[in-house]
Protein backbone atom coordinates (compact mmCIF):
# COMPACT_ATOMS: atom_id res chain seq x y z
CA UNK A 1 -22.30 -18.32 -0.72
CA UNK A 2 -19.10 -16.70 -1.96
CA UNK A 3 -17.28 -14.27 0.29
CA UNK A 4 -16.71 -10.80 -1.13
CA UNK A 5 -13.10 -9.85 -1.75
CA UNK A 6 -12.21 -6.53 -0.16
CA UNK A 7 -10.02 -4.10 -2.06
CA UNK A 8 -7.78 -1.32 -0.77
CA UNK A 9 -6.66 1.75 -2.70
CA UNK A 10 -3.09 2.74 -1.77
CA UNK A 11 -1.52 6.06 -2.78
CA UNK A 12 2.14 6.98 -2.29
CA UNK A 13 2.08 10.47 -0.76
CA UNK A 14 5.70 10.83 0.38
CA UNK A 15 8.95 9.81 -1.23
CA UNK A 16 10.74 6.79 0.25
CA UNK A 17 14.09 8.55 -0.31
CA UNK A 18 15.77 9.00 3.05
CA UNK A 19 14.06 5.95 4.56
CA UNK A 20 15.61 2.57 5.13
CA UNK A 21 16.19 0.13 2.27
CA UNK A 22 13.54 -2.15 3.79
CA UNK A 23 10.93 0.61 3.59
CA UNK A 24 11.85 1.35 -0.03
CA UNK A 25 11.61 -2.36 -0.87
CA UNK A 26 8.22 -2.61 0.84
CA UNK A 27 6.86 0.33 -1.16
CA UNK A 28 8.08 -1.35 -4.37
CA UNK A 29 6.57 -4.70 -3.34
CA UNK A 30 3.19 -3.01 -2.86
CA UNK A 31 3.47 -1.86 -6.48
CA UNK A 32 4.20 1.84 -6.02
CA UNK A 33 6.95 3.55 -7.99
CA UNK A 34 6.32 7.31 -7.96
CA UNK A 35 4.74 9.86 -5.64
CA UNK A 36 1.06 10.31 -6.39
CA UNK A 37 0.66 6.87 -7.93
CA UNK A 38 -2.33 4.82 -6.78
CA UNK A 39 -2.72 1.04 -6.87
CA UNK A 40 -5.60 -1.21 -5.90
CA UNK A 41 -4.72 -4.36 -3.95
CA UNK A 42 -6.68 -7.18 -2.34
CA UNK A 43 -6.98 -6.75 1.43
CA UNK A 44 -4.86 -9.49 3.04
CA UNK A 45 -3.07 -9.82 6.35
CA UNK A 46 0.34 -9.71 4.67
CA UNK A 47 -0.57 -6.50 2.83
CA UNK A 48 -1.85 -4.95 6.08
CA UNK A 49 1.49 -5.77 7.72
CA UNK A 50 3.40 -4.13 4.86
CA UNK A 51 1.19 -1.04 5.09
CA UNK A 52 1.78 -0.82 8.84
CA UNK A 53 5.53 -0.54 8.20
CA UNK A 54 5.22 2.28 5.65
CA UNK A 55 2.09 4.03 6.93
CA UNK A 56 3.99 7.34 7.08
CA UNK A 57 4.51 7.20 3.30
CA UNK A 58 1.10 6.08 2.02
CA UNK A 59 -2.60 6.96 2.15
CA UNK A 60 -4.99 4.02 2.50
CA UNK A 61 -8.64 3.97 1.42
CA UNK A 62 -11.08 1.09 1.35
CA UNK A 63 -12.80 0.65 -2.00
CA UNK A 64 -16.61 0.58 -1.85
CA UNK A 65 -18.30 -1.55 -4.50
């Protein structure tokens, strides 16, 4: 029985300008480039850690299949 892969929809709602270089790099590593852009990523522990660091800049939604 295969385990279902969970997906997360991440939207950049605030600009990373004025934040630290590490926060800007984290936003880029997630795949976000401009405010309002949305990407869909696989839910992993490393992604959750990245989102915890920039939670003030992004909106997170779980994708329902």
